[in-house]
Structure formats: C-alpha cells, structure tokens
C-alpha cells in the first residue's frame, strides 16, 4: 500500500479527534487544514508533502514566537496552551534530527562548498537547508554552522 499523504494523515487525525471530542486537537488541525487549503487555492494545485511540512513549520514558528511573548508577559496559562498546540503540530513533522546528526551534515556541507571562514555561512546554509528542511530547526542549524565556521 502506498504511503498516505501528509495532508490526508492530518485530515484523518482531525476526524479521529472530532470523534474523540479532543477539542485542542480539533482546533489546531482545523487551522492547519485551513492554511493548507488557502495555499492550494492560491497556487491552483494540491499541496504536496513538502509544501505541507513548510506550512506546519510556519505555524510552529508562530507558536514559538507566541510562547516567548507570553513568557515575557508572565502569561503561564497561555504559554501552556501554546506549548500543547506546538506538541500537536510537531507530531506531523518528519522525525527530527539530533544535534550530532546536524553537526555531521553541517561538516559535510562545509566540505562540499569549501568554506574557509564565517563569511561563507550563506553558501553552507544554502547547501544544507534543502537536505534538512522539516527535519531540523533552522535556527539550530544556523547556530551550529556559525560555531563550526568560527573554529576553521
């Protein structure tokens, strides 16, 4: 049997959450599917898994920013709600890479582009990010690449 498309997996999870009356899941998955539909309408074609992962990552970024803002505003009730929604979104991303796996991939990218100094970070990132998209947080990848280039 063929792999189920990520969009279909999200839709099935929404149905299951609706049947199980899991309000948090229903709310966040409806928003996610609405974002996916908006992109499909704008592009006049169905969203593939890579596009869906990009949409999920955008929502994850929004939630992380909200968590930081709510922490600064001492709103622990909203922080816990955002963190719960973030965990739901993370379930639909591919398995995340470990720190060591990112470091290894960054070393390979540095070798491939022949980076010699921190000024080559852009070349390394453009080589590395397509491989890691959806599998690692971009901010973490950027930090690791900066650290590695600083030691060259």
Protein backbone atom coordinates (compact mmCIF):
# COMPACT_ATOMS: atom_id res chain seq x y z
CA UNK A 1 0.00 0.00 0.00
CA UNK A 2 1.28 3.46 -0.90
CA UNK A 3 2.26 5.96 1.78
CA UNK A 4 -0.57 8.14 2.93
CA UNK A 5 -0.06 11.79 2.00
CA UNK A 6 0.65 14.05 4.96
CA UNK A 7 -2.43 16.16 4.21
CA UNK A 8 -4.60 13.02 4.32
CA UNK A 9 -2.97 11.95 7.59
CA UNK A 10 -3.85 15.33 9.10
CA UNK A 11 -7.44 15.01 7.84
CA UNK A 12 -7.74 11.51 9.35
CA UNK A 13 -6.36 12.79 12.66
CA UNK A 14 -8.94 15.58 12.61
CA UNK A 15 -11.74 13.07 12.13
CA UNK A 16 -10.42 10.90 14.95
CA UNK A 17 -10.05 13.93 17.23
CA UNK A 18 -13.59 15.03 16.40
CA UNK A 19 -14.96 11.59 17.23
CA UNK A 20 -12.92 11.53 20.45
CA UNK A 21 -14.01 15.06 21.33
CA UNK A 22 -10.43 16.25 21.72
CA UNK A 23 -11.04 19.98 21.45
CA UNK A 24 -7.40 21.10 21.35
CA UNK A 25 -6.59 18.70 18.50
CA UNK A 26 -9.72 19.66 16.57
CA UNK A 27 -8.98 23.39 16.84
CA UNK A 28 -5.32 23.23 15.80
CA UNK A 29 -5.88 20.70 13.00
CA UNK A 30 -8.74 22.76 11.55
CA UNK A 31 -6.46 25.81 11.47
CA UNK A 32 -3.70 23.77 9.85
CA UNK A 33 -6.02 22.36 7.19
CA UNK A 34 -7.39 25.85 6.50
CA UNK A 35 -3.84 27.11 5.93
CA UNK A 36 -3.17 24.18 3.60
CA UNK A 37 -6.40 24.86 1.65
CA UNK A 38 -5.50 28.56 1.36
CA UNK A 39 -2.13 27.66 -0.16
CA UNK A 40 -3.77 25.17 -2.53
CA UNK A 41 -6.26 27.82 -3.67
CA UNK A 42 -3.52 30.41 -4.15
CA UNK A 43 -1.34 28.00 -6.14
CA UNK A 44 -4.23 26.31 -8.01
CA UNK A 45 -2.88 22.85 -7.21
CA UNK A 46 -2.89 20.34 -4.35
CA UNK A 47 -0.18 20.78 -1.73
CA UNK A 48 2.45 18.05 -1.74
CA UNK A 49 4.08 16.77 1.46
CA UNK A 50 6.99 19.23 1.20
CA UNK A 51 4.58 22.16 0.98
CA UNK A 52 2.54 20.82 3.92
CA UNK A 53 5.73 20.48 6.01
CA UNK A 54 6.55 24.10 5.16
CA UNK A 55 3.09 25.20 6.33
CA UNK A 56 3.47 23.20 9.56
CA UNK A 57 6.90 24.77 10.14
CA UNK A 58 5.43 28.24 9.66
CA UNK A 59 2.76 27.51 12.30
CA UNK A 60 5.41 26.07 14.63
CA UNK A 61 7.46 29.25 14.25
CA UNK A 62 4.37 31.34 15.11
CA UNK A 63 3.71 29.22 18.21
CA UNK A 64 7.32 29.51 19.39
CA UNK A 65 7.19 33.29 18.97
CA UNK A 66 3.90 33.39 20.90
CA UNK A 67 5.38 31.27 23.68
CA UNK A 68 8.29 33.70 24.04
CA UNK A 69 5.95 36.71 24.07
CA UNK A 70 3.63 35.11 26.64
CA UNK A 71 6.59 34.16 28.84
CA UNK A 72 7.74 37.79 28.81
CA UNK A 73 4.22 38.86 29.71
CA UNK A 74 4.02 36.33 32.57
CA UNK A 75 1.02 34.58 31.00
CA UNK A 76 1.75 30.98 32.02
CA UNK A 77 -1.81 29.92 31.15
CA UNK A 78 -1.31 30.97 27.52
CA UNK A 79 2.23 29.53 27.44
CA UNK A 80 0.93 26.08 28.38
CA UNK A 81 -1.84 26.30 25.75
CA UNK A 82 0.64 27.31 23.02
CA UNK A 83 3.05 24.53 24.08
CA UNK A 84 0.23 21.96 23.88
CA UNK A 85 -0.65 23.15 20.37
CA UNK A 86 3.03 23.10 19.42
CA UNK A 87 3.31 19.44 20.51
CA UNK A 88 0.30 18.59 18.31
CA UNK A 89 1.91 20.23 15.28
CA UNK A 90 5.25 18.52 15.93
CA UNK A 91 3.52 15.12 15.60
CA UNK A 92 3.10 15.74 11.87
CA UNK A 93 6.69 16.64 11.09
CA UNK A 94 9.22 14.05 9.95
CA UNK A 95 11.46 12.64 12.68
CA UNK A 96 13.66 15.48 13.91
CA UNK A 97 17.43 15.16 13.60
CA UNK A 98 19.61 15.01 16.69
CA UNK A 99 22.26 17.64 17.41
CA UNK A 100 25.02 15.22 16.38
CA UNK A 101 23.28 14.42 13.08
CA UNK A 102 23.01 18.14 12.29
CA UNK A 103 26.68 18.67 13.14
CA UNK A 104 27.64 15.79 10.85
CA UNK A 105 25.52 17.15 7.97
CA UNK A 106 26.99 20.63 8.54
CA UNK A 107 30.55 19.25 8.35
CA UNK A 108 29.71 17.59 5.03
CA UNK A 109 28.17 20.80 3.64
CA UNK A 110 31.23 22.80 4.74
CA UNK A 111 33.48 20.34 2.89
CA UNK A 112 31.30 20.35 -0.23
CA UNK A 113 31.26 24.15 -0.59
CA UNK A 114 34.87 24.51 0.59
CA UNK A 115 34.01 27.03 3.30
CA UNK A 116 37.06 28.71 4.82
CA UNK A 117 35.60 31.36 7.11
CA UNK A 118 32.39 32.59 8.79
CA UNK A 119 31.74 34.74 5.70
CA UNK A 120 30.96 31.50 3.81
CA UNK A 121 27.95 30.79 6.04
CA UNK A 122 25.45 31.66 3.29
CA UNK A 123 26.97 29.11 0.91
CA UNK A 124 26.93 26.41 3.60
CA UNK A 125 23.34 27.16 4.63
CA UNK A 126 22.09 27.11 1.03
CA UNK A 127 23.73 23.71 0.59
CA UNK A 128 22.49 22.34 3.91
CA UNK A 129 18.92 23.57 4.39
CA UNK A 130 17.30 21.76 1.44
CA UNK A 131 18.52 18.47 2.95
CA UNK A 132 17.33 19.30 6.46
CA UNK A 133 14.06 21.08 5.68
CA UNK A 134 11.41 19.86 8.10
CA UNK A 135 13.90 17.61 9.89
CA UNK A 136 15.71 20.28 11.92
CA UNK A 137 15.02 23.74 13.29
CA UNK A 138 16.61 26.36 11.04
CA UNK A 139 17.77 28.45 13.97
CA UNK A 140 19.60 25.48 15.48
CA UNK A 141 21.21 24.64 12.12
CA UNK A 142 22.32 28.26 11.73
CA UNK A 143 23.86 28.30 15.22
CA UNK A 144 25.72 25.05 14.57
CA UNK A 145 27.07 26.26 11.23
CA UNK A 146 28.23 29.53 12.83
CA UNK A 147 30.03 27.62 15.59
CA UNK A 148 31.72 25.29 13.12
CA UNK A 149 32.81 28.09 10.79
CA UNK A 150 34.20 30.09 13.72
CA UNK A 151 36.60 27.24 14.50
CA UNK A 152 38.00 26.93 10.97
